[in-house]
Amino acid sequence: MGPQAQESDVRFVVDPSELACPACQGALAQDDGRLQCQGCGARYPIVEGIPSLLPGDQRDWRETVARLDRELRRHPWVMAKMSFAACTWLPRARRQILESIAIQPGDVVLDHCTGCGENLPILQRAVGAKGRMCAFDLSLYGLQRAARRLEELDIGNVRLQQADAHALPYPSRQFDAVVHFGAWNQLPGQKRALEEIIRVTRPGGWVVILDEGLHPQRRDSWWGRLLRWGNPLFGSSPPMELFACYAEPSVRWVVRGMFYEVRFRVPN
């Protein structure tokens, strides 16, 4: 898939009507094992059932994709360390946070920067058999892991795409909720990424963004200093001025105050 993969037989359903050209937002049609934009004519490969919807020359993405692949291979070790530091099993905390989002059966949900797909089984249970989910990431390794997870759990109403957060391959106002867990602090061009999230979310839909960031009262404690020494991203603050341009967001610190969560509804 993407710039580093060889094309192979499609394993998952690809519905072009659920997608849009990331370059011009034109409609896509399937043609000879690829997706082709009916507007600008751009063509995107489909590998193992996962469309690679990266704008521009796919070869330009190789270095970025390879770097993210390396980071995600270390992800289990990073999660183990953070679970130890938090004295909390983070997968359980993740489930509790996701289950608190007002997602209804039948909703259409986007798992934004899905990584290895840890959110997908929890979100899929929330949308139910009549709902639908999309999940994207830049990492080839992460999407392969997510695809295996879906196969093992026999989950069929989740679609995976390789995509860029700054040029989402979805029609406008498609999702009832967009969820982003992790790496927001490291995301370049946050303003553009948020503009794209707002574009693809229906008015009244939920946006939930969570990432490392210690509660202000904990940052200068011995524990907070230790966490920031091990991972400077724990010194991050939620960019409330960015979110406030679009809505009235609420912020809370979760998992013993180690992470911030920003949650808001897209205005009508």
C-alpha atoms as a PDB file:
ATOM      1  CA  MET A   1       0.000   0.000   0.000  1.00  0.00           C
ATOM      2  CA  GLY A   2       1.174   3.534  -0.659  1.00  0.00           C
ATOM      3  CA  PRO A   3       4.677   4.330  -1.865  1.00  0.00           C
ATOM      4  CA  GLN A   4       6.353   1.261  -0.387  1.00  0.00           C
ATOM      5  CA  ALA A   5       3.915  -1.541  -1.165  1.00  0.00           C
ATOM      6  CA  GLN A   6       3.201  -3.794  -4.099  1.00  0.00           C
ATOM      7  CA  GLU A   7      -0.388  -4.073  -5.277  1.00  0.00           C
ATOM      8  CA  SER A   8      -2.176  -7.335  -4.544  1.00  0.00           C
ATOM      9  CA  ASP A   9      -5.658  -8.799  -4.519  1.00  0.00           C
ATOM     10  CA  VAL A  10      -8.307  -6.725  -2.761  1.00  0.00           C
ATOM     11  CA  ARG A  11      -9.346  -8.213   0.594  1.00  0.00           C
ATOM     12  CA  PHE A  12     -11.777  -5.571   1.830  1.00  0.00           C
ATOM     13  CA  VAL A  13     -14.723  -3.770   0.315  1.00  0.00           C
ATOM     14  CA  VAL A  14     -13.942  -0.352  -1.182  1.00  0.00           C
ATOM     15  CA  ASP A  15     -16.923   1.931  -1.731  1.00  0.00           C
ATOM     16  CA  PRO A  16     -15.858   5.020  -3.736  1.00  0.00           C
ATOM     17  CA  SER A  17     -19.074   6.823  -2.742  1.00  0.00           C
ATOM     18  CA  GLU A  18     -17.727   7.058   0.830  1.00  0.00           C
ATOM     19  CA  LEU A  19     -14.571   8.801  -0.376  1.00  0.00           C
ATOM     20  CA  ALA A  20     -13.470  11.955  -2.196  1.00  0.00           C
ATOM     21  CA  CYS A  21     -10.333  13.006  -4.034  1.00  0.00           C
ATOM     22  CA  PRO A  22      -7.929  14.525  -1.475  1.00  0.00           C
ATOM     23  CA  ALA A  23      -6.655  16.961  -4.103  1.00  0.00           C
ATOM     24  CA  CYS A  24      -9.913  18.469  -5.394  1.00  0.00           C
ATOM     25  CA  GLN A  25     -12.750  16.765  -3.447  1.00  0.00           C
ATOM     26  CA  GLY A  26     -14.041  15.288  -6.694  1.00  0.00           C
ATOM     27  CA  ALA A  27     -15.990  12.037  -6.824  1.00  0.00           C
ATOM     28  CA  LEU A  28     -13.997   8.818  -7.147  1.00  0.00           C
ATOM     29  CA  ALA A  29     -14.704   5.792  -9.301  1.00  0.00           C
ATOM     30  CA  GLN A  30     -12.997   2.409  -9.282  1.00  0.00           C
ATOM     31  CA  ASP A  31     -11.072   1.651 -12.461  1.00  0.00           C
ATOM     32  CA  ASP A  32      -8.620  -1.170 -13.149  1.00  0.00           C
ATOM     33  CA  GLY A  33      -7.772  -1.807  -9.496  1.00  0.00           C
ATOM     34  CA  ARG A  34      -7.390   1.874  -8.680  1.00  0.00           C
ATOM     35  CA  LEU A  35      -9.556   4.833  -7.737  1.00  0.00           C
ATOM     36  CA  GLN A  36      -9.735   7.657 -10.251  1.00  0.00           C
ATOM     37  CA  CYS A  37     -10.998  11.160  -9.598  1.00  0.00           C
ATOM     38  CA  GLN A  38     -13.805  12.156 -11.924  1.00  0.00           C
ATOM     39  CA  GLY A  39     -12.750  15.786 -11.561  1.00  0.00           C
ATOM     40  CA  CYS A  40      -8.979  16.216 -11.769  1.00  0.00           C
ATOM     41  CA  GLY A  41      -8.197  12.721 -13.080  1.00  0.00           C
ATOM     42  CA  ALA A  42      -5.801  11.793 -10.246  1.00  0.00           C
ATOM     43  CA  ARG A  43      -5.394   8.036  -9.726  1.00  0.00           C
ATOM     44  CA  TYR A  44      -4.880   6.285  -6.406  1.00  0.00           C
ATOM     45  CA  PRO A  45      -3.799   2.657  -5.866  1.00  0.00           C
ATOM     46  CA  ILE A  46      -5.775   0.117  -3.854  1.00  0.00           C
ATOM     47  CA  VAL A  47      -3.550  -2.421  -2.133  1.00  0.00           C
ATOM     48  CA  GLU A  48      -4.938  -5.298  -0.048  1.00  0.00           C
ATOM     49  CA  GLY A  49      -8.274  -3.499  -0.085  1.00  0.00           C
ATOM     50  CA  ILE A  50      -6.933  -0.260   1.374  1.00  0.00           C
ATOM     51  CA  PRO A  51      -6.937   2.842  -0.854  1.00  0.00           C
ATOM     52  CA  SER A  52      -3.759   4.921  -0.709  1.00  0.00           C
ATOM     53  CA  LEU A  53      -5.244   8.407  -0.991  1.00  0.00           C
ATOM     54  CA  LEU A  54      -2.147  10.549  -0.613  1.00  0.00           C
ATOM     55  CA  PRO A  55      -2.179  13.799  -2.611  1.00  0.00           C
ATOM     56  CA  GLY A  56       0.567  14.430  -5.135  1.00  0.00           C
ATOM     57  CA  ASP A  57       3.286  11.996  -6.155  1.00  0.00           C
ATOM     58  CA  GLN A  58       3.122   8.888  -3.957  1.00  0.00           C
ATOM     59  CA  ARG A  59       6.926   8.655  -4.017  1.00  0.00           C
ATOM     60  CA  ASP A  60       7.198  11.950  -2.144  1.00  0.00           C
ATOM     61  CA  TRP A  61       5.636  10.273   0.903  1.00  0.00           C
ATOM     62  CA  ARG A  62       8.151   7.424   1.271  1.00  0.00           C
ATOM     63  CA  GLU A  63      10.378   8.996   3.908  1.00  0.00           C
ATOM     64  CA  THR A  64       7.473  10.223   6.041  1.00  0.00           C
ATOM     65  CA  VAL A  65       5.687   6.868   5.883  1.00  0.00           C
ATOM     66  CA  ALA A  66       8.888   4.984   6.771  1.00  0.00           C
ATOM     67  CA  ARG A  67       9.487   7.246   9.794  1.00  0.00           C
ATOM     68  CA  LEU A  68       5.956   6.738  11.097  1.00  0.00           C
ATOM     69  CA  ASP A  69       6.277   2.978  10.562  1.00  0.00           C
ATOM     70  CA  ARG A  70       9.351   2.964  12.802  1.00  0.00           C
ATOM     71  CA  GLU A  71       7.526   4.968  15.484  1.00  0.00           C
ATOM     72  CA  LEU A  72       4.522   2.640  15.501  1.00  0.00           C
ATOM     73  CA  ARG A  73       6.729  -0.434  15.836  1.00  0.00           C
ATOM     74  CA  ARG A  74       7.874   1.046  19.159  1.00  0.00           C
ATOM     75  CA  HIS A  75       4.317   1.864  20.205  1.00  0.00           C
ATOM     76  CA  PRO A  76       3.683  -1.221  22.431  1.00  0.00           C
ATOM     77  CA  TRP A  77       6.809  -0.431  24.453  1.00  0.00           C
ATOM     78  CA  VAL A  78       5.812   3.235  24.774  1.00  0.00           C
ATOM     79  CA  MET A  79       2.318   2.261  25.969  1.00  0.00           C
ATOM     80  CA  ALA A  80       3.784  -0.152  28.517  1.00  0.00           C
ATOM     81  CA  LYS A  81       6.022   2.582  29.920  1.00  0.00           C
ATOM     82  CA  MET A  82       3.154   5.078  30.145  1.00  0.00           C
ATOM     83  CA  SER A  83       0.919   2.482  31.813  1.00  0.00           C
ATOM     84  CA  PHE A  84       3.643   1.911  34.419  1.00  0.00           C
ATOM     85  CA  ALA A  85       4.066   5.664  34.968  1.00  0.00           C
ATOM     86  CA  ALA A  86       0.310   6.153  35.314  1.00  0.00           C
ATOM     87  CA  CYS A  87      -0.170   3.066  37.528  1.00  0.00           C
ATOM     88  CA  THR A  88      -3.118   2.470  35.183  1.00  0.00           C
ATOM     89  CA  TRP A  89      -3.641   0.022  32.343  1.00  0.00           C
ATOM     90  CA  LEU A  90      -4.012   2.497  29.475  1.00  0.00           C
ATOM     91  CA  PRO A  91      -6.091   0.260  27.162  1.00  0.00           C
ATOM     92  CA  ARG A  92      -8.775   0.152  29.866  1.00  0.00           C
ATOM     93  CA  ALA A  93      -8.624   3.926  30.291  1.00  0.00           C
ATOM     94  CA  ARG A  94      -8.868   4.315  26.509  1.00  0.00           C
ATOM     95  CA  ARG A  95     -12.025   2.193  26.447  1.00  0.00           C
ATOM     96  CA  GLN A  96     -13.646   4.203  29.226  1.00  0.00           C
ATOM     97  CA  ILE A  97     -12.952   7.499  27.455  1.00  0.00           C
ATOM     98  CA  LEU A  98     -14.241   6.259  24.114  1.00  0.00           C
ATOM     99  CA  GLU A  99     -17.377   4.825  25.684  1.00  0.00           C
ATOM    100  CA  SER A 100     -18.140   8.237  27.204  1.00  0.00           C
ATOM    101  CA  ILE A 101     -18.514   9.853  23.748  1.00  0.00           C
ATOM    102  CA  ALA A 102     -22.139  10.285  22.687  1.00  0.00           C
ATOM    103  CA  ILE A 103     -21.899   7.968  19.675  1.00  0.00           C
ATOM    104  CA  GLN A 104     -25.209   6.356  18.754  1.00  0.00           C
ATOM    105  CA  PRO A 105     -26.013   3.114  16.921  1.00  0.00           C
ATOM    106  CA  GLY A 106     -26.113   3.870  13.206  1.00  0.00           C
ATOM    107  CA  ASP A 107     -23.661   6.781  13.400  1.00  0.00           C
ATOM    108  CA  VAL A 108     -20.837   7.330  10.920  1.00  0.00           C
ATOM    109  CA  VAL A 109     -17.521   7.836  12.743  1.00  0.00           C
ATOM    110  CA  LEU A 110     -13.949   8.686  11.701  1.00  0.00           C
ATOM    111  CA  ASP A 111     -10.975   7.417  13.708  1.00  0.00           C
ATOM    112  CA  HIS A 112      -8.522  10.173  12.821  1.00  0.00           C
ATOM    113  CA  CYS A 113      -4.885   8.969  12.667  1.00  0.00           C
ATOM    114  CA  THR A 114      -5.869   5.469  13.791  1.00  0.00           C
ATOM    115  CA  GLY A 115      -2.342   4.121  14.279  1.00  0.00           C
ATOM    116  CA  CYS A 116      -2.635   0.365  14.773  1.00  0.00           C
ATOM    117  CA  GLY A 117      -6.415   0.564  15.189  1.00  0.00           C
ATOM    118  CA  GLU A 118      -6.734   0.220  18.971  1.00  0.00           C
ATOM    119  CA  ASN A 119      -9.870   2.399  18.974  1.00  0.00           C
ATOM    120  CA  LEU A 120     -11.672   0.496  16.242  1.00  0.00           C
ATOM    121  CA  PRO A 121     -13.303  -2.410  18.156  1.00  0.00           C
ATOM    122  CA  ILE A 122     -14.622  -0.027  20.823  1.00  0.00           C
ATOM    123  CA  LEU A 123     -15.981   2.506  18.338  1.00  0.00           C
ATOM    124  CA  GLN A 124     -17.445  -0.242  16.155  1.00  0.00           C
ATOM    125  CA  ARG A 125     -19.444  -1.571  19.093  1.00  0.00           C
ATOM    126  CA  ALA A 126     -20.813   1.932  19.616  1.00  0.00           C
ATOM    127  CA  VAL A 127     -22.005   2.425  16.010  1.00  0.00           C
ATOM    128  CA  GLY A 128     -23.343  -1.135  15.798  1.00  0.00           C
ATOM    129  CA  ALA A 129     -24.166  -3.162  12.733  1.00  0.00           C
ATOM    130  CA  LYS A 130     -26.104  -0.307  11.119  1.00  0.00           C
ATOM    131  CA  GLY A 131     -23.307   2.222  11.624  1.00  0.00           C
ATOM    132  CA  ARG A 132     -20.172   2.756   9.618  1.00  0.00           C
ATOM    133  CA  MET A 133     -16.605   3.719  10.366  1.00  0.00           C
ATOM    134  CA  CYS A 134     -13.633   5.060   8.444  1.00  0.00           C
ATOM    135  CA  ALA A 135     -10.107   5.076   9.821  1.00  0.00           C
ATOM    136  CA  PHE A 136      -6.980   6.480   8.262  1.00  0.00           C
ATOM    137  CA  ASP A 137      -3.305   6.861   8.949  1.00  0.00           C
ATOM    138  CA  LEU A 138      -0.112   7.652   7.058  1.00  0.00           C
ATOM    139  CA  SER A 139       1.692   4.632   8.472  1.00  0.00           C
ATOM    140  CA  LEU A 140       1.678   1.547   6.292  1.00  0.00           C
ATOM    141  CA  TYR A 141       2.681  -0.627   9.241  1.00  0.00           C
ATOM    142  CA  GLY A 142      -0.121   0.757  11.411  1.00  0.00           C
ATOM    143  CA  LEU A 143      -2.792   0.154   8.773  1.00  0.00           C
ATOM    144  CA  GLN A 144      -1.590  -3.397   8.209  1.00  0.00           C
ATOM    145  CA  ARG A 145      -1.876  -4.053  11.941  1.00  0.00           C
ATOM    146  CA  ALA A 146      -5.327  -2.449  12.014  1.00  0.00           C
ATOM    147  CA  ALA A 147      -6.437  -4.600   9.057  1.00  0.00           C
ATOM    148  CA  ARG A 148      -5.318  -7.766  10.832  1.00  0.00           C
ATOM    149  CA  ARG A 149      -7.161  -6.672  13.962  1.00  0.00           C
ATOM    150  CA  LEU A 150     -10.381  -6.216  11.993  1.00  0.00           C
ATOM    151  CA  GLU A 151      -9.983  -9.599  10.292  1.00  0.00           C
ATOM    152  CA  GLU A 152      -9.362 -11.396  13.573  1.00  0.00           C
ATOM    153  CA  LEU A 153     -12.445  -9.791  15.138  1.00  0.00           C
ATOM    154  CA  ASP A 154     -14.549 -10.311  11.988  1.00  0.00           C
ATOM    155  CA  ILE A 155     -15.455  -6.624  11.824  1.00  0.00           C
ATOM    156  CA  GLY A 156     -16.738  -5.703   8.382  1.00  0.00           C
ATOM    157  CA  ASN A 157     -18.160  -2.183   8.630  1.00  0.00           C
ATOM    158  CA  VAL A 158     -14.834  -0.371   9.073  1.00  0.00           C
ATOM    159  CA  ARG A 159     -13.010   1.056   6.038  1.00  0.00           C
ATOM    160  CA  LEU A 160      -9.279   1.803   6.162  1.00  0.00           C
ATOM    161  CA  GLN A 161      -7.476   4.421   4.100  1.00  0.00           C
ATOM    162  CA  GLN A 162      -3.924   5.661   3.872  1.00  0.00           C
ATOM    163  CA  ALA A 163      -4.327   9.430   3.957  1.00  0.00           C
ATOM    164  CA  ASP A 164      -2.901  12.768   5.064  1.00  0.00           C
ATOM    165  CA  ALA A 165      -4.596  14.650   7.915  1.00  0.00           C
ATOM    166  CA  HIS A 166      -4.224  17.900   5.948  1.00  0.00           C
ATOM    167  CA  ALA A 167      -6.130  16.615   2.889  1.00  0.00           C
ATOM    168  CA  LEU A 168      -8.797  14.187   4.059  1.00  0.00           C
ATOM    169  CA  PRO A 169     -10.243  11.918   1.352  1.00  0.00           C
ATOM    170  CA  TYR A 170     -13.865  12.252   2.482  1.00  0.00           C
ATOM    171  CA  PRO A 171     -16.884  14.272   1.356  1.00  0.00           C
ATOM    172  CA  SER A 172     -17.837  17.248   3.501  1.00  0.00           C
ATOM    173  CA  ARG A 173     -20.213  16.835   6.453  1.00  0.00           C
ATOM    174  CA  GLN A 174     -20.049  13.047   6.415  1.00  0.00           C
ATOM    175  CA  PHE A 175     -19.242  12.061  10.017  1.00  0.00           C
ATOM    176  CA  ASP A 176     -21.297  12.193  13.195  1.00  0.00           C
ATOM    177  CA  ALA A 177     -18.091  12.083  15.259  1.00  0.00           C
ATOM    178  CA  VAL A 178     -14.345  12.410  14.655  1.00  0.00           C
ATOM    179  CA  VAL A 179     -11.985  10.964  17.262  1.00  0.00           C
ATOM    180  CA  HIS A 180      -8.243  11.643  17.431  1.00  0.00           C
ATOM    181  CA  PHE A 181      -6.165   9.907  20.123  1.00  0.00           C
ATOM    182  CA  GLY A 182      -2.452  10.642  20.303  1.00  0.00           C
ATOM    183  CA  ALA A 183       0.180  12.546  18.260  1.00  0.00           C
ATOM    184  CA  TRP A 184      -1.818  15.783  17.992  1.00  0.00           C
ATOM    185  CA  ASN A 185       1.075  17.566  19.714  1.00  0.00           C
ATOM    186  CA  GLN A 186       3.430  16.349  16.983  1.00  0.00           C
ATOM    187  CA  LEU A 187       1.113  17.074  14.080  1.00  0.00           C
ATOM    188  CA  PRO A 188       2.484  19.837  11.833  1.00  0.00           C
ATOM    189  CA  GLY A 189      -0.044  22.264  10.449  1.00  0.00           C
ATOM    190  CA  GLN A 190      -2.593  21.760  13.223  1.00  0.00           C
ATOM    191  CA  LYS A 191      -4.766  24.610  11.926  1.00  0.00           C
ATOM    192  CA  ARG A 192      -5.128  22.968   8.524  1.00  0.00           C
ATOM    193  CA  ALA A 193      -5.742  19.556  10.087  1.00  0.00           C
ATOM    194  CA  LEU A 194      -8.502  21.001  12.270  1.00  0.00           C
ATOM    195  CA  GLU A 195     -10.066  22.777   9.282  1.00  0.00           C
ATOM    196  CA  GLU A 196     -10.304  19.399   7.574  1.00  0.00           C
ATOM    197  CA  ILE A 197     -11.852  17.795  10.658  1.00  0.00           C
ATOM    198  CA  ILE A 198     -14.473  20.542  10.799  1.00  0.00           C
ATOM    199  CA  ARG A 199     -15.168  20.166   7.079  1.00  0.00           C
ATOM    200  CA  VAL A 200     -15.906  16.438   7.227  1.00  0.00           C
ATOM    201  CA  THR A 201     -17.972  16.575  10.459  1.00  0.00           C
ATOM    202  CA  ARG A 202     -21.699  17.165  10.305  1.00  0.00           C
ATOM    203  CA  PRO A 203     -23.100  20.224  12.114  1.00  0.00           C
ATOM    204  CA  GLY A 204     -23.776  19.161  15.674  1.00  0.00           C
ATOM    205  CA  GLY A 205     -21.306  16.269  15.401  1.00  0.00           C
ATOM    206  CA  TRP A 206     -18.688  15.567  18.046  1.00  0.00           C
ATOM    207  CA  VAL A 207     -14.941  16.190  17.762  1.00  0.00           C
ATOM    208  CA  VAL A 208     -12.755  14.620  20.463  1.00  0.00           C
ATOM    209  CA  ILE A 209      -8.973  15.153  20.569  1.00  0.00           C
ATOM    210  CA  LEU A 210      -6.734  13.585  23.218  1.00  0.00           C
ATOM    211  CA  ASP A 211      -2.966  13.706  23.685  1.00  0.00           C
ATOM    212  CA  GLU A 212      -0.157  13.933  26.245  1.00  0.00           C
ATOM    213  CA  GLY A 213      -0.346  16.983  28.468  1.00  0.00           C
ATOM    214  CA  LEU A 214      -0.089  17.124  32.244  1.00  0.00           C
ATOM    215  CA  HIS A 215      -2.638  18.985  34.325  1.00  0.00           C
ATOM    216  CA  PRO A 216      -1.074  22.385  35.191  1.00  0.00           C
ATOM    217  CA  GLN A 217      -1.077  21.546  38.909  1.00  0.00           C
ATOM    218  CA  ARG A 218       0.918  18.355  38.294  1.00  0.00           C
ATOM    219  CA  ARG A 219       3.594  19.621  35.909  1.00  0.00           C
ATOM    220  CA  ASP A 220       6.009  20.831  38.570  1.00  0.00           C
ATOM    221  CA  SER A 221       5.511  17.967  41.018  1.00  0.00           C
ATOM    222  CA  TRP A 222       8.348  15.435  41.255  1.00  0.00           C
ATOM    223  CA  TRP A 223       6.202  12.987  39.288  1.00  0.00           C
ATOM    224  CA  GLY A 224       5.400  15.579  36.630  1.00  0.00           C
ATOM    225  CA  ARG A 225       9.040  16.553  36.258  1.00  0.00           C
ATOM    226  CA  LEU A 226       9.966  12.894  35.915  1.00  0.00           C
ATOM    227  CA  LEU A 227       7.343  12.366  33.213  1.00  0.00           C
ATOM    228  CA  ARG A 228       8.467  15.443  31.315  1.00  0.00           C
ATOM    229  CA  TRP A 229      12.073  14.298  31.563  1.00  0.00           C
ATOM    230  CA  GLY A 230      11.128  10.939  30.050  1.00  0.00           C
ATOM    231  CA  ASN A 231       8.837  12.472  27.432  1.00  0.00           C
ATOM    232  CA  PRO A 232       8.851  16.273  26.918  1.00  0.00           C
ATOM    233  CA  LEU A 233       5.443  16.036  25.221  1.00  0.00           C
ATOM    234  CA  PHE A 234       3.879  15.701  28.684  1.00  0.00           C
ATOM    235  CA  GLY A 235       4.650  19.402  29.039  1.00  0.00           C
ATOM    236  CA  SER A 236       2.233  20.188  26.198  1.00  0.00           C
ATOM    237  CA  SER A 237      -0.933  22.225  26.667  1.00  0.00           C
ATOM    238  CA  PRO A 238      -4.155  21.894  24.685  1.00  0.00           C
ATOM    239  CA  PRO A 239      -4.209  24.605  21.969  1.00  0.00           C
ATOM    240  CA  MET A 240      -7.517  26.025  23.130  1.00  0.00           C
ATOM    241  CA  GLU A 241      -7.159  29.177  21.041  1.00  0.00           C
ATOM    242  CA  LEU A 242      -7.146  26.987  17.929  1.00  0.00           C
ATOM    243  CA  PHE A 243     -10.284  25.061  18.874  1.00  0.00           C
ATOM    244  CA  ALA A 244     -12.110  28.152  20.099  1.00  0.00           C
ATOM    245  CA  CYS A 245     -12.126  29.521  16.545  1.00  0.00           C
ATOM    246  CA  TYR A 246     -14.755  26.921  15.682  1.00  0.00           C
ATOM    247  CA  ALA A 247     -16.744  26.152  18.822  1.00  0.00           C
ATOM    248  CA  GLU A 248     -16.851  26.374  22.609  1.00  0.00           C
ATOM    249  CA  PRO A 249     -14.637  23.431  23.546  1.00  0.00           C
ATOM    250  CA  SER A 250     -14.430  21.798  26.939  1.00  0.00           C
ATOM    251  CA  VAL A 251     -11.137  20.459  28.237  1.00  0.00           C
ATOM    252  CA  ARG A 252     -10.455  17.919  30.927  1.00  0.00           C
ATOM    253  CA  TRP A 253      -7.371  16.046  32.079  1.00  0.00           C
ATOM    254  CA  VAL A 254      -7.718  12.281  32.191  1.00  0.00           C
ATOM    255  CA  VAL A 255      -5.690   9.232  33.309  1.00  0.00           C
ATOM    256  CA  ARG A 256      -4.350  10.766  36.532  1.00  0.00           C
ATOM    257  CA  GLY A 257      -3.976  14.125  34.803  1.00  0.00           C
ATOM    258  CA  MET A 258      -1.474  12.824  32.234  1.00  0.00           C
ATOM    259  CA  PHE A 259      -3.526  13.587  29.125  1.00  0.00           C
ATOM    260  CA  TYR A 260      -5.737  16.432  28.007  1.00  0.00           C
ATOM    261  CA  GLU A 261      -9.012  15.796  26.209  1.00  0.00           C
ATOM    262  CA  VAL A 262     -10.694  18.511  24.166  1.00  0.00           C
ATOM    263  CA  ARG A 263     -14.288  17.838  23.187  1.00  0.00           C
ATOM    264  CA  PHE A 264     -16.761  20.007  21.279  1.00  0.00           C
ATOM    265  CA  ARG A 265     -19.691  19.945  18.881  1.00  0.00           C
ATOM    266  CA  VAL A 266     -19.299  21.422  15.417  1.00  0.00           C
ATOM    267  CA  PRO A 267     -21.602  24.451  15.246  1.00  0.00           C
ATOM    268  CA  ASN A 268     -24.588  24.484  12.903  1.00  0.00           C
END
